[in-house]
C-alpha atoms as a PDB file:
ATOM      1  CA  UNK A   1      49.074  17.935 -29.451  1.00  0.00           C
ATOM      2  CA  UNK A   2      50.216  17.727 -25.836  1.00  0.00           C
ATOM      3  CA  UNK A   3      53.893  18.487 -26.502  1.00  0.00           C
ATOM      4  CA  UNK A   4      55.606  19.736 -23.348  1.00  0.00           C
ATOM      5  CA  UNK A   5      52.657  19.175 -21.014  1.00  0.00           C
ATOM      6  CA  UNK A   6      53.106  16.922 -17.992  1.00  0.00           C
ATOM      7  CA  UNK A   7      50.637  14.499 -16.434  1.00  0.00           C
ATOM      8  CA  UNK A   8      51.101  12.540 -13.192  1.00  0.00           C
ATOM      9  CA  UNK A   9      48.935   9.498 -12.371  1.00  0.00           C
ATOM     10  CA  UNK A  10      49.071   8.426  -8.713  1.00  0.00           C
ATOM     11  CA  UNK A  11      48.175   4.780  -8.057  1.00  0.00           C
ATOM     12  CA  UNK A  12      48.130   2.425  -5.094  1.00  0.00           C
ATOM     13  CA  UNK A  13      49.768  -0.718  -6.492  1.00  0.00           C
ATOM     14  CA  UNK A  14      51.617  -1.838  -9.611  1.00  0.00           C
ATOM     15  CA  UNK A  15      48.914  -2.979 -12.078  1.00  0.00           C
ATOM     16  CA  UNK A  16      46.471  -0.195 -11.102  1.00  0.00           C
ATOM     17  CA  UNK A  17      48.058   2.045 -13.740  1.00  0.00           C
ATOM     18  CA  UNK A  18      47.150  -0.552 -16.374  1.00  0.00           C
ATOM     19  CA  UNK A  19      43.512  -0.982 -15.319  1.00  0.00           C
ATOM     20  CA  UNK A  20      42.570   2.651 -14.572  1.00  0.00           C
ATOM     21  CA  UNK A  21      43.203   5.315 -17.178  1.00  0.00           C
ATOM     22  CA  UNK A  22      45.827   3.279 -19.026  1.00  0.00           C
ATOM     23  CA  UNK A  23      44.643   3.985 -22.559  1.00  0.00           C
ATOM     24  CA  UNK A  24      44.417   7.728 -21.980  1.00  0.00           C
ATOM     25  CA  UNK A  25      47.832   7.937 -20.327  1.00  0.00           C
ATOM     26  CA  UNK A  26      49.327   5.966 -23.229  1.00  0.00           C
ATOM     27  CA  UNK A  27      47.582   8.302 -25.658  1.00  0.00           C
ATOM     28  CA  UNK A  28      48.941  11.406 -23.951  1.00  0.00           C
ATOM     29  CA  UNK A  29      52.443   9.945 -23.860  1.00  0.00           C
ATOM     30  CA  UNK A  30      52.267   9.134 -27.567  1.00  0.00           C
ATOM     31  CA  UNK A  31      51.025  12.644 -28.363  1.00  0.00           C
ATOM     32  CA  UNK A  32      54.065  14.287 -26.780  1.00  0.00           C
ATOM     33  CA  UNK A  33      53.134  14.787 -23.131  1.00  0.00           C
ATOM     34  CA  UNK A  34      55.421  13.593 -20.380  1.00  0.00           C
ATOM     35  CA  UNK A  35      53.526  11.106 -18.220  1.00  0.00           C
ATOM     36  CA  UNK A  36      54.696   9.930 -14.808  1.00  0.00           C
ATOM     37  CA  UNK A  37      53.053   6.998 -13.033  1.00  0.00           C
ATOM     38  CA  UNK A  38      53.567   6.914  -9.272  1.00  0.00           C
ATOM     39  CA  UNK A  39      53.062   3.595  -7.456  1.00  0.00           C
ATOM     40  CA  UNK A  40      52.545   4.303  -3.768  1.00  0.00           C
ATOM     41  CA  UNK A  41      53.325   0.710  -2.753  1.00  0.00           C
ATOM     42  CA  UNK A  42      55.235  -2.188  -4.232  1.00  0.00           C
ATOM     43  CA  UNK A  43      52.331  -4.647  -4.165  1.00  0.00           C
ATOM     44  CA  UNK A  44      54.487  -6.899  -1.981  1.00  0.00           C
ATOM     45  CA  UNK A  45      51.564  -8.636  -0.301  1.00  0.00           C
ATOM     46  CA  UNK A  46      49.782  -9.464  -3.527  1.00  0.00           C
ATOM     47  CA  UNK A  47      48.453 -12.942  -4.191  1.00  0.00           C
ATOM     48  CA  UNK A  48      48.970 -14.662  -7.527  1.00  0.00           C
ATOM     49  CA  UNK A  49      45.671 -14.394  -9.444  1.00  0.00           C
ATOM     50  CA  UNK A  50      46.857 -16.038 -12.637  1.00  0.00           C
ATOM     51  CA  UNK A  51      46.055 -19.770 -12.295  1.00  0.00           C
ATOM     52  CA  UNK A  52      48.943 -20.643 -14.606  1.00  0.00           C
ATOM     53  CA  UNK A  53      51.462 -19.057 -12.238  1.00  0.00           C
ATOM     54  CA  UNK A  54      50.115 -20.100  -8.865  1.00  0.00           C
ATOM     55  CA  UNK A  55      52.545 -22.010  -6.649  1.00  0.00           C
ATOM     56  CA  UNK A  56      55.461 -21.180  -8.947  1.00  0.00           C
ATOM     57  CA  UNK A  57      58.487 -21.291  -6.604  1.00  0.00           C
ATOM     58  CA  UNK A  58      60.411 -18.543  -8.403  1.00  0.00           C
ATOM     59  CA  UNK A  59      57.441 -16.199  -7.850  1.00  0.00           C
ATOM     60  CA  UNK A  60      56.719 -17.161  -4.259  1.00  0.00           C
ATOM     61  CA  UNK A  61      60.400 -16.796  -3.464  1.00  0.00           C
ATOM     62  CA  UNK A  62      60.558 -13.087  -4.399  1.00  0.00           C
ATOM     63  CA  UNK A  63      57.181 -11.517  -5.081  1.00  0.00           C
ATOM     64  CA  UNK A  64      58.458  -7.917  -4.645  1.00  0.00           C
ATOM     65  CA  UNK A  65      61.029  -8.361  -7.411  1.00  0.00           C
ATOM     66  CA  UNK A  66      58.459 -10.042  -9.660  1.00  0.00           C
ATOM     67  CA  UNK A  67      56.093  -7.098  -9.209  1.00  0.00           C
ATOM     68  CA  UNK A  68      58.912  -4.669 -10.021  1.00  0.00           C
ATOM     69  CA  UNK A  69      59.723  -6.484 -13.260  1.00  0.00           C
ATOM     70  CA  UNK A  70      56.052  -6.552 -14.218  1.00  0.00           C
ATOM     71  CA  UNK A  71      55.721  -2.834 -13.543  1.00  0.00           C
ATOM     72  CA  UNK A  72      58.791  -2.014 -15.625  1.00  0.00           C
ATOM     73  CA  UNK A  73      57.360  -3.987 -18.544  1.00  0.00           C
ATOM     74  CA  UNK A  74      53.968  -2.273 -18.264  1.00  0.00           C
ATOM     75  CA  UNK A  75      55.578   1.184 -18.174  1.00  0.00           C
ATOM     76  CA  UNK A  76      57.525   0.414 -21.357  1.00  0.00           C
ATOM     77  CA  UNK A  77      54.332  -0.710 -23.090  1.00  0.00           C
ATOM     78  CA  UNK A  78      52.415   2.403 -22.038  1.00  0.00           C
ATOM     79  CA  UNK A  79      55.327   4.675 -22.917  1.00  0.00           C
ATOM     80  CA  UNK A  80      55.297   6.357 -19.505  1.00  0.00           C
ATOM     81  CA  UNK A  81      57.849   7.162 -16.839  1.00  0.00           C
ATOM     82  CA  UNK A  82      57.474   5.459 -13.487  1.00  0.00           C
ATOM     83  CA  UNK A  83      58.567   5.913  -9.894  1.00  0.00           C
ATOM     84  CA  UNK A  84      57.938   4.157  -6.584  1.00  0.00           C
ATOM     85  CA  UNK A  85      56.779   6.213  -3.616  1.00  0.00           C
ATOM     86  CA  UNK A  86      58.366   3.554  -1.426  1.00  0.00           C
ATOM     87  CA  UNK A  87      55.630   2.403   0.954  1.00  0.00           C
ATOM     88  CA  UNK A  88      54.613  -1.154   1.820  1.00  0.00           C
ATOM     89  CA  UNK A  89      51.440  -2.825   0.567  1.00  0.00           C
ATOM     90  CA  UNK A  90      48.809  -3.126   3.310  1.00  0.00           C
ATOM     91  CA  UNK A  91      47.768  -6.619   2.229  1.00  0.00           C
ATOM     92  CA  UNK A  92      44.449  -8.376   2.689  1.00  0.00           C
ATOM     93  CA  UNK A  93      43.595  -9.234   6.312  1.00  0.00           C
ATOM     94  CA  UNK A  94      41.255 -12.200   6.453  1.00  0.00           C
ATOM     95  CA  UNK A  95      39.055 -13.595   9.200  1.00  0.00           C
ATOM     96  CA  UNK A  96      36.070 -12.640  11.316  1.00  0.00           C
ATOM     97  CA  UNK A  97      36.754 -10.304  12.918  1.00  0.00           C
ATOM     98  CA  UNK A  98      39.414  -8.994  10.588  1.00  0.00           C
ATOM     99  CA  UNK A  99      42.874  -8.699  12.128  1.00  0.00           C
ATOM    100  CA  UNK A 100      44.508  -5.271  12.245  1.00  0.00           C
ATOM    101  CA  UNK A 101      46.509  -4.026   9.297  1.00  0.00           C
ATOM    102  CA  UNK A 102      50.209  -4.933   9.474  1.00  0.00           C
ATOM    103  CA  UNK A 103      52.535  -2.550  11.254  1.00  0.00           C
ATOM    104  CA  UNK A 104      54.393  -0.217   8.905  1.00  0.00           C
ATOM    105  CA  UNK A 105      52.026  -0.621   5.950  1.00  0.00           C
ATOM    106  CA  UNK A 106      51.060   2.295   3.695  1.00  0.00           C
ATOM    107  CA  UNK A 107      47.540   2.679   5.082  1.00  0.00           C
ATOM    108  CA  UNK A 108      48.900   3.200   8.608  1.00  0.00           C
ATOM    109  CA  UNK A 109      51.699   5.627   7.748  1.00  0.00           C
ATOM    110  CA  UNK A 110      51.343   9.149   9.214  1.00  0.00           C
ATOM    111  CA  UNK A 111      49.768  11.492   6.686  1.00  0.00           C
ATOM    112  CA  UNK A 112      52.612  14.001   6.932  1.00  0.00           C
ATOM    113  CA  UNK A 113      55.071  11.241   5.967  1.00  0.00           C
ATOM    114  CA  UNK A 114      53.155  10.103   2.889  1.00  0.00           C
ATOM    115  CA  UNK A 115      52.360  13.688   1.890  1.00  0.00           C
ATOM    116  CA  UNK A 116      56.000  14.730   2.042  1.00  0.00           C
ATOM    117  CA  UNK A 117      56.987  11.796  -0.151  1.00  0.00           C
ATOM    118  CA  UNK A 118      54.457  12.678  -2.849  1.00  0.00           C
ATOM    119  CA  UNK A 119      55.145  16.417  -2.628  1.00  0.00           C
ATOM    120  CA  UNK A 120      58.801  15.646  -3.314  1.00  0.00           C
ATOM    121  CA  UNK A 121      57.884  13.694  -6.454  1.00  0.00           C
ATOM    122  CA  UNK A 122      55.463  16.419  -7.629  1.00  0.00           C
ATOM    123  CA  UNK A 123      58.072  19.143  -7.197  1.00  0.00           C
ATOM    124  CA  UNK A 124      60.648  17.084  -9.041  1.00  0.00           C
ATOM    125  CA  UNK A 125      58.480  16.086 -12.019  1.00  0.00           C
ATOM    126  CA  UNK A 126      56.385  19.306 -12.047  1.00  0.00           C
ATOM    127  CA  UNK A 127      53.101  18.007 -13.464  1.00  0.00           C
ATOM    128  CA  UNK A 128      50.446  20.376 -14.733  1.00  0.00           C
ATOM    129  CA  UNK A 129      47.676  17.855 -14.013  1.00  0.00           C
ATOM    130  CA  UNK A 130      47.306  15.054 -11.437  1.00  0.00           C
ATOM    131  CA  UNK A 131      45.034  12.007 -11.489  1.00  0.00           C
ATOM    132  CA  UNK A 132      44.184   9.841  -8.491  1.00  0.00           C
ATOM    133  CA  UNK A 133      41.172   8.003  -6.936  1.00  0.00           C
ATOM    134  CA  UNK A 134      38.005   9.350  -5.352  1.00  0.00           C
ATOM    135  CA  UNK A 135      37.395   9.483  -1.595  1.00  0.00           C
ATOM    136  CA  UNK A 136      36.379   5.812  -1.577  1.00  0.00           C
ATOM    137  CA  UNK A 137      39.590   4.854  -3.337  1.00  0.00           C
ATOM    138  CA  UNK A 138      37.582   3.878  -6.420  1.00  0.00           C
ATOM    139  CA  UNK A 139      36.549   1.023  -4.165  1.00  0.00           C
ATOM    140  CA  UNK A 140      37.099   0.769  -0.412  1.00  0.00           C
ATOM    141  CA  UNK A 141      40.560  -0.723  -0.143  1.00  0.00           C
ATOM    142  CA  UNK A 142      42.861   0.844   2.478  1.00  0.00           C
ATOM    143  CA  UNK A 143      45.760   1.497   0.091  1.00  0.00           C
ATOM    144  CA  UNK A 144      43.414   3.042  -2.465  1.00  0.00           C
ATOM    145  CA  UNK A 145      41.798   5.245   0.171  1.00  0.00           C
ATOM    146  CA  UNK A 146      45.213   6.298   1.428  1.00  0.00           C
ATOM    147  CA  UNK A 147      46.250   7.047  -2.163  1.00  0.00           C
ATOM    148  CA  UNK A 148      43.307   9.431  -2.421  1.00  0.00           C
ATOM    149  CA  UNK A 149      44.084  11.020   0.940  1.00  0.00           C
ATOM    150  CA  UNK A 150      47.765  11.604   0.259  1.00  0.00           C
ATOM    151  CA  UNK A 151      47.056  12.868  -3.289  1.00  0.00           C
ATOM    152  CA  UNK A 152      44.625  15.492  -2.000  1.00  0.00           C
ATOM    153  CA  UNK A 153      47.022  16.515   0.763  1.00  0.00           C
ATOM    154  CA  UNK A 154      49.967  16.774  -1.645  1.00  0.00           C
ATOM    155  CA  UNK A 155      47.930  18.734  -4.212  1.00  0.00           C
ATOM    156  CA  UNK A 156      47.174  21.245  -1.455  1.00  0.00           C
ATOM    157  CA  UNK A 157      50.770  21.426  -0.191  1.00  0.00           C
ATOM    158  CA  UNK A 158      52.956  21.158  -3.298  1.00  0.00           C
ATOM    159  CA  UNK A 159      52.692  24.843  -4.232  1.00  0.00           C
ATOM    160  CA  UNK A 160      53.078  26.143  -0.683  1.00  0.00           C
ATOM    161  CA  UNK A 161      56.622  27.441  -0.067  1.00  0.00           C
ATOM    162  CA  UNK A 162      56.100  26.981   3.681  1.00  0.00           C
ATOM    163  CA  UNK A 163      55.138  23.317   3.370  1.00  0.00           C
ATOM    164  CA  UNK A 164      57.999  20.801   3.276  1.00  0.00           C
ATOM    165  CA  UNK A 165      60.563  23.429   2.189  1.00  0.00           C
ATOM    166  CA  UNK A 166      63.304  20.801   2.036  1.00  0.00           C
ATOM    167  CA  UNK A 167      61.320  18.811  -0.576  1.00  0.00           C
ATOM    168  CA  UNK A 168      62.170  21.072  -3.508  1.00  0.00           C
ATOM    169  CA  UNK A 169      60.938  24.334  -5.037  1.00  0.00           C
ATOM    170  CA  UNK A 170      57.140  24.769  -4.823  1.00  0.00           C
ATOM    171  CA  UNK A 171      55.089  23.625  -7.781  1.00  0.00           C
ATOM    172  CA  UNK A 172      51.304  23.819  -8.051  1.00  0.00           C
ATOM    173  CA  UNK A 173      49.464  21.468 -10.444  1.00  0.00           C
ATOM    174  CA  UNK A 174      46.437  23.225 -11.874  1.00  0.00           C
ATOM    175  CA  UNK A 175      43.920  20.366 -12.026  1.00  0.00           C
ATOM    176  CA  UNK A 176      43.244  17.095 -10.228  1.00  0.00           C
ATOM    177  CA  UNK A 177      41.033  14.302 -11.560  1.00  0.00           C
ATOM    178  CA  UNK A 178      39.600  11.086 -10.183  1.00  0.00           C
ATOM    179  CA  UNK A 179      40.057   8.089 -12.447  1.00  0.00           C
ATOM    180  CA  UNK A 180      38.407   4.732 -12.017  1.00  0.00           C
ATOM    181  CA  UNK A 181      35.320   2.811 -12.957  1.00  0.00           C
ATOM    182  CA  UNK A 182      32.615   4.545 -14.976  1.00  0.00           C
ATOM    183  CA  UNK A 183      29.110   3.146 -14.284  1.00  0.00           C
ATOM    184  CA  UNK A 184      27.983   4.514 -17.644  1.00  0.00           C
ATOM    185  CA  UNK A 185      30.696   2.548 -19.425  1.00  0.00           C
ATOM    186  CA  UNK A 186      29.800  -0.666 -17.600  1.00  0.00           C
ATOM    187  CA  UNK A 187      26.106  -0.275 -18.380  1.00  0.00           C
ATOM    188  CA  UNK A 188      26.755   0.394 -22.067  1.00  0.00           C
ATOM    189  CA  UNK A 189      29.159  -2.516 -22.504  1.00  0.00           C
ATOM    190  CA  UNK A 190      26.903  -4.846 -20.528  1.00  0.00           C
ATOM    191  CA  UNK A 191      23.866  -4.031 -22.657  1.00  0.00           C
ATOM    192  CA  UNK A 192      25.824  -4.190 -25.914  1.00  0.00           C
ATOM    193  CA  UNK A 193      27.064  -7.679 -25.084  1.00  0.00           C
ATOM    194  CA  UNK A 194      23.553  -8.856 -24.204  1.00  0.00           C
ATOM    195  CA  UNK A 195      22.203  -7.333 -27.436  1.00  0.00           C
ATOM    196  CA  UNK A 196      24.881  -9.243 -29.354  1.00  0.00           C
ATOM    197  CA  UNK A 197      23.833 -12.511 -27.708  1.00  0.00           C
ATOM    198  CA  UNK A 198      26.985 -12.731 -25.593  1.00  0.00           C
ATOM    199  CA  UNK A 199      27.360 -13.393 -21.897  1.00  0.00           C
ATOM    200  CA  UNK A 200      28.309 -10.237 -20.029  1.00  0.00           C
ATOM    201  CA  UNK A 201      31.010 -10.383 -17.338  1.00  0.00           C
ATOM    202  CA  UNK A 202      29.384  -7.394 -15.662  1.00  0.00           C
ATOM    203  CA  UNK A 203      26.076  -8.876 -14.493  1.00  0.00           C
ATOM    204  CA  UNK A 204      26.925  -8.893 -10.778  1.00  0.00           C
ATOM    205  CA  UNK A 205      28.463  -5.433 -11.010  1.00  0.00           C
ATOM    206  CA  UNK A 206      25.315  -4.062 -12.695  1.00  0.00           C
ATOM    207  CA  UNK A 207      23.177  -5.513  -9.916  1.00  0.00           C
ATOM    208  CA  UNK A 208      25.367  -3.883  -7.249  1.00  0.00           C
ATOM    209  CA  UNK A 209      25.576  -0.533  -9.016  1.00  0.00           C
ATOM    210  CA  UNK A 210      22.141   0.463  -7.698  1.00  0.00           C
ATOM    211  CA  UNK A 211      23.885   1.072  -4.362  1.00  0.00           C
ATOM    212  CA  UNK A 212      26.769   3.074  -5.857  1.00  0.00           C
ATOM    213  CA  UNK A 213      26.679   6.878  -5.677  1.00  0.00           C
ATOM    214  CA  UNK A 214      26.366   8.757  -8.944  1.00  0.00           C
ATOM    215  CA  UNK A 215      29.642  10.520  -9.644  1.00  0.00           C
ATOM    216  CA  UNK A 216      29.985  13.794 -11.561  1.00  0.00           C
ATOM    217  CA  UNK A 217      31.872  12.274 -14.488  1.00  0.00           C
ATOM    218  CA  UNK A 218      32.066  14.940 -17.193  1.00  0.00           C
ATOM    219  CA  UNK A 219      35.526  14.406 -18.730  1.00  0.00           C
ATOM    220  CA  UNK A 220      35.686  11.868 -21.544  1.00  0.00           C
ATOM    221  CA  UNK A 221      39.037  11.203 -23.223  1.00  0.00           C
ATOM    222  CA  UNK A 222      38.762   9.578 -26.660  1.00  0.00           C
ATOM    223  CA  UNK A 223      41.536   6.980 -26.613  1.00  0.00           C
ATOM    224  CA  UNK A 224      40.179   3.804 -28.196  1.00  0.00           C
ATOM    225  CA  UNK A 225      43.244   3.576 -30.444  1.00  0.00           C
ATOM    226  CA  UNK A 226      45.136   2.646 -27.264  1.00  0.00           C
ATOM    227  CA  UNK A 227      42.748   0.029 -25.836  1.00  0.00           C
ATOM    228  CA  UNK A 228      44.989  -2.738 -27.152  1.00  0.00           C
ATOM    229  CA  UNK A 229      48.000  -1.050 -25.543  1.00  0.00           C
ATOM    230  CA  UNK A 230      46.069  -0.924 -22.264  1.00  0.00           C
ATOM    231  CA  UNK A 231      45.353  -4.651 -22.410  1.00  0.00           C
ATOM    232  CA  UNK A 232      48.940  -5.483 -23.300  1.00  0.00           C
ATOM    233  CA  UNK A 233      50.157  -3.463 -20.314  1.00  0.00           C
ATOM    234  CA  UNK A 234      47.694  -5.218 -18.018  1.00  0.00           C
ATOM    235  CA  UNK A 235      48.843  -8.623 -19.250  1.00  0.00           C
ATOM    236  CA  UNK A 236      52.391  -7.582 -18.375  1.00  0.00           C
ATOM    237  CA  UNK A 237      51.279  -7.869 -14.743  1.00  0.00           C
ATOM    238  CA  UNK A 238      51.131 -11.608 -15.294  1.00  0.00           C
ATOM    239  CA  UNK A 239      50.794 -12.557 -11.630  1.00  0.00           C
ATOM    240  CA  UNK A 240      47.878 -10.191 -11.103  1.00  0.00           C
ATOM    241  CA  UNK A 241      45.466 -11.002 -13.914  1.00  0.00           C
ATOM    242  CA  UNK A 242      43.948 -14.144 -15.342  1.00  0.00           C
ATOM    243  CA  UNK A 243      44.566 -13.949 -19.109  1.00  0.00           C
ATOM    244  CA  UNK A 244      41.256 -15.741 -19.575  1.00  0.00           C
ATOM    245  CA  UNK A 245      39.433 -13.531 -17.055  1.00  0.00           C
ATOM    246  CA  UNK A 246      36.751 -10.905 -17.391  1.00  0.00           C
ATOM    247  CA  UNK A 247      39.141  -8.079 -18.329  1.00  0.00           C
ATOM    248  CA  UNK A 248      39.701  -9.647 -21.749  1.00  0.00           C
ATOM    249  CA  UNK A 249      36.267 -11.074 -22.569  1.00  0.00           C
ATOM    250  CA  UNK A 250      34.826  -7.954 -24.198  1.00  0.00           C
ATOM    251  CA  UNK A 251      35.400  -7.952 -27.980  1.00  0.00           C
ATOM    252  CA  UNK A 252      37.669  -5.098 -28.945  1.00  0.00           C
ATOM    253  CA  UNK A 253      35.484  -3.963 -31.847  1.00  0.00           C
ATOM    254  CA  UNK A 254      32.543  -3.693 -29.459  1.00  0.00           C
ATOM    255  CA  UNK A 255      34.589  -1.549 -27.064  1.00  0.00           C
ATOM    256  CA  UNK A 256      35.630   0.760 -29.888  1.00  0.00           C
ATOM    257  CA  UNK A 257      32.048   1.147 -31.040  1.00  0.00           C
ATOM    258  CA  UNK A 258      30.166   1.390 -27.750  1.00  0.00           C
ATOM    259  CA  UNK A 259      32.412   3.435 -25.457  1.00  0.00           C
ATOM    260  CA  UNK A 260      35.615   4.650 -27.148  1.00  0.00           C
ATOM    261  CA  UNK A 261      36.737   6.803 -24.225  1.00  0.00           C
ATOM    262  CA  UNK A 262      38.061   6.720 -20.668  1.00  0.00           C
ATOM    263  CA  UNK A 263      36.196   8.824 -18.153  1.00  0.00           C
ATOM    264  CA  UNK A 264      37.358  11.088 -15.348  1.00  0.00           C
ATOM    265  CA  UNK A 265      35.794  13.203 -12.630  1.00  0.00           C
ATOM    266  CA  UNK A 266      37.267  16.685 -12.305  1.00  0.00           C
ATOM    267  CA  UNK A 267      37.792  17.007  -8.559  1.00  0.00           C
ATOM    268  CA  UNK A 268      39.808  20.240  -8.240  1.00  0.00           C
ATOM    269  CA  UNK A 269      40.749  22.994 -10.664  1.00  0.00           C
ATOM    270  CA  UNK A 270      42.502  26.291 -10.142  1.00  0.00           C
ATOM    271  CA  UNK A 271      41.449  27.392 -13.637  1.00  0.00           C
ATOM    272  CA  UNK A 272      37.907  28.029 -14.906  1.00  0.00           C
ATOM    273  CA  UNK A 273      36.457  25.023 -16.727  1.00  0.00           C
ATOM    274  CA  UNK A 274      33.649  24.296 -19.134  1.00  0.00           C
ATOM    275  CA  UNK A 275      32.092  20.878 -18.655  1.00  0.00           C
ATOM    276  CA  UNK A 276      31.907  18.447 -20.314  1.00  0.00           C
ATOM    277  CA  UNK A 277      35.565  18.207 -21.326  1.00  0.00           C
ATOM    278  CA  UNK A 278      37.468  16.028 -23.771  1.00  0.00           C
ATOM    279  CA  UNK A 279      41.011  16.838 -22.597  1.00  0.00           C
ATOM    280  CA  UNK A 280      42.657  16.634 -19.162  1.00  0.00           C
ATOM    281  CA  UNK A 281      44.633  19.774 -20.058  1.00  0.00           C
ATOM    282  CA  UNK A 282      41.559  21.767 -21.139  1.00  0.00           C
ATOM    283  CA  UNK A 283      41.497  25.348 -19.910  1.00  0.00           C
ATOM    284  CA  UNK A 284      45.204  25.582 -19.090  1.00  0.00           C
ATOM    285  CA  UNK A 285      47.293  28.525 -20.233  1.00  0.00           C
ATOM    286  CA  UNK A 286      49.823  28.198 -23.080  1.00  0.00           C
ATOM    287  CA  UNK A 287      52.879  26.260 -21.965  1.00  0.00           C
ATOM    288  CA  UNK A 288      55.286  29.145 -21.302  1.00  0.00           C
ATOM    289  CA  UNK A 289      52.731  31.006 -19.231  1.00  0.00           C
ATOM    290  CA  UNK A 290      51.595  27.774 -17.582  1.00  0.00           C
ATOM    291  CA  UNK A 291      55.119  27.042 -16.339  1.00  0.00           C
ATOM    292  CA  UNK A 292      55.230  30.454 -14.686  1.00  0.00           C
ATOM    293  CA  UNK A 293      51.786  30.020 -13.131  1.00  0.00           C
ATOM    294  CA  UNK A 294      52.625  26.632 -11.622  1.00  0.00           C
ATOM    295  CA  UNK A 295      55.883  27.957 -10.162  1.00  0.00           C
ATOM    296  CA  UNK A 296      54.129  30.866  -8.394  1.00  0.00           C
ATOM    297  CA  UNK A 297      52.548  30.388  -4.966  1.00  0.00           C
ATOM    298  CA  UNK A 298      48.812  29.937  -5.617  1.00  0.00           C
ATOM    299  CA  UNK A 299      46.131  32.142  -4.064  1.00  0.00           C
ATOM    300  CA  UNK A 300      44.695  30.871  -0.796  1.00  0.00           C
ATOM    301  CA  UNK A 301      41.777  31.765   1.428  1.00  0.00           C
ATOM    302  CA  UNK A 302      41.915  32.984   5.000  1.00  0.00           C
ATOM    303  CA  UNK A 303      42.332  29.418   6.256  1.00  0.00           C
ATOM    304  CA  UNK A 304      45.283  28.809   3.956  1.00  0.00           C
ATOM    305  CA  UNK A 305      43.342  26.557   1.568  1.00  0.00           C
ATOM    306  CA  UNK A 306      43.698  26.775  -2.211  1.00  0.00           C
ATOM    307  CA  UNK A 307      41.275  29.124  -3.937  1.00  0.00           C
ATOM    308  CA  UNK A 308      39.598  26.838  -6.470  1.00  0.00           C
ATOM    309  CA  UNK A 309      37.673  27.639  -9.625  1.00  0.00           C
ATOM    310  CA  UNK A 310      36.050  24.193  -9.482  1.00  0.00           C
ATOM    311  CA  UNK A 311      35.552  21.626  -6.743  1.00  0.00           C
ATOM    312  CA  UNK A 312      33.508  18.445  -7.129  1.00  0.00           C
ATOM    313  CA  UNK A 313      30.962  17.551  -4.495  1.00  0.00           C
ATOM    314  CA  UNK A 314      31.273  14.299  -2.563  1.00  0.00           C
ATOM    315  CA  UNK A 315      28.166  12.182  -3.278  1.00  0.00           C
ATOM    316  CA  UNK A 316      26.033  11.230  -0.279  1.00  0.00           C
ATOM    317  CA  UNK A 317      27.120   7.978   1.367  1.00  0.00           C
ATOM    318  CA  UNK A 318      25.531   4.704   0.335  1.00  0.00           C
ATOM    319  CA  UNK A 319      25.424   1.336   2.008  1.00  0.00           C
ATOM    320  CA  UNK A 320      28.748  -0.479   1.796  1.00  0.00           C
ATOM    321  CA  UNK A 321      28.654  -3.190  -0.857  1.00  0.00           C
ATOM    322  CA  UNK A 322      30.624  -6.378  -1.129  1.00  0.00           C
ATOM    323  CA  UNK A 323      33.823  -5.870  -3.061  1.00  0.00           C
ATOM    324  CA  UNK A 324      35.233  -8.729  -5.100  1.00  0.00           C
ATOM    325  CA  UNK A 325      38.566  -7.789  -6.669  1.00  0.00           C
ATOM    326  CA  UNK A 326      37.096  -5.063  -8.859  1.00  0.00           C
ATOM    327  CA  UNK A 327      40.530  -3.878  -9.950  1.00  0.00           C
ATOM    328  CA  UNK A 328      42.249  -7.195 -10.625  1.00  0.00           C
ATOM    329  CA  UNK A 329      44.871  -6.301  -7.990  1.00  0.00           C
ATOM    330  CA  UNK A 330      45.735  -8.758  -5.272  1.00  0.00           C
ATOM    331  CA  UNK A 331      46.681  -8.540  -1.647  1.00  0.00           C
ATOM    332  CA  UNK A 332      44.033  -5.861  -1.280  1.00  0.00           C
ATOM    333  CA  UNK A 333      42.002  -5.252   1.861  1.00  0.00           C
ATOM    334  CA  UNK A 334      38.577  -3.661   2.143  1.00  0.00           C
ATOM    335  CA  UNK A 335      38.213  -0.769   4.557  1.00  0.00           C
ATOM    336  CA  UNK A 336      34.985   1.054   5.260  1.00  0.00           C
ATOM    337  CA  UNK A 337      34.155   4.410   3.716  1.00  0.00           C
ATOM    338  CA  UNK A 338      34.080   6.205   7.084  1.00  0.00           C
ATOM    339  CA  UNK A 339      37.800   5.574   7.602  1.00  0.00           C
ATOM    340  CA  UNK A 340      38.562   7.069   4.194  1.00  0.00           C
ATOM    341  CA  UNK A 341      36.432  10.133   4.891  1.00  0.00           C
ATOM    342  CA  UNK A 342      38.098  10.630   8.277  1.00  0.00           C
ATOM    343  CA  UNK A 343      41.537  10.544   6.626  1.00  0.00           C
ATOM    344  CA  UNK A 344      40.389  13.019   3.974  1.00  0.00           C
ATOM    345  CA  UNK A 345      39.132  15.419   6.639  1.00  0.00           C
ATOM    346  CA  UNK A 346      42.571  15.261   8.274  1.00  0.00           C
ATOM    347  CA  UNK A 347      44.176  16.123   4.930  1.00  0.00           C
ATOM    348  CA  UNK A 348      41.852  19.031   4.140  1.00  0.00           C
END
């Protein structure tokens, strides 16, 4: 049981919480943990990807409000709490060459501004564990990369009493994970569908995966009982997903049988770990002691950086690959990996 434990999942846009780690967050919420989803942007610049809703005047008239209603419905389905970080979607610049990102968008906000906003939410909710995206944003979209950058910066700063003292009492989460796409899962589902004589929606992804770096994914959360909840939450984002699209083409019984888990990469841990893991809260102290540990200023090295018991290694860079709406979110730009790494260096 996860009674009393707190998990925070930091995402770029509304709908990301329903396509990345949704079943596991729903499972933790149902098992007694408090789960907070943070949406860094409002998805205001999103296109309508559902053919049945395209050109609907009531949607085009007020996309931000539509996205808010969709997010509220998804949060109810998942059983999680939700908050907006309050930044503006960076959108999808188009053209050759690409135009600059719009002034005032999330990806262009100063890091100290975005970090302070997330530190405030961390200190208010007091999570024991954080989840976010890897240094490429899960895929190279500027809002996803910025989500990674601000999450790493806030994880470092939240427990520091000298950092953003006006943002609430210090609180140090003990672990941080990267959520996102698991190549192993895609390969297994792809092959299982071919073996069953079905057409796989993952063929192009499998072909491109040869250029993807191998991630150190050693945390596998058994949550297949919540796969249907995940899909229902994703459908709640009706403007952002095609109900007849690839997300829903994989038979549910096949998913349960072939890969009944969601997978995470442990990026940072202040506590010793034994990998592989089957629980995001593995290795943490009992709750009463854990509360005291998180409220104490953490140990730091001579440069003021957190002393970590575990830190994942960034895979070597690979050639940038074409990205085609891998997350079902709209209004999403593609930025190169170098920009994301430069932002991460500024945060570390």
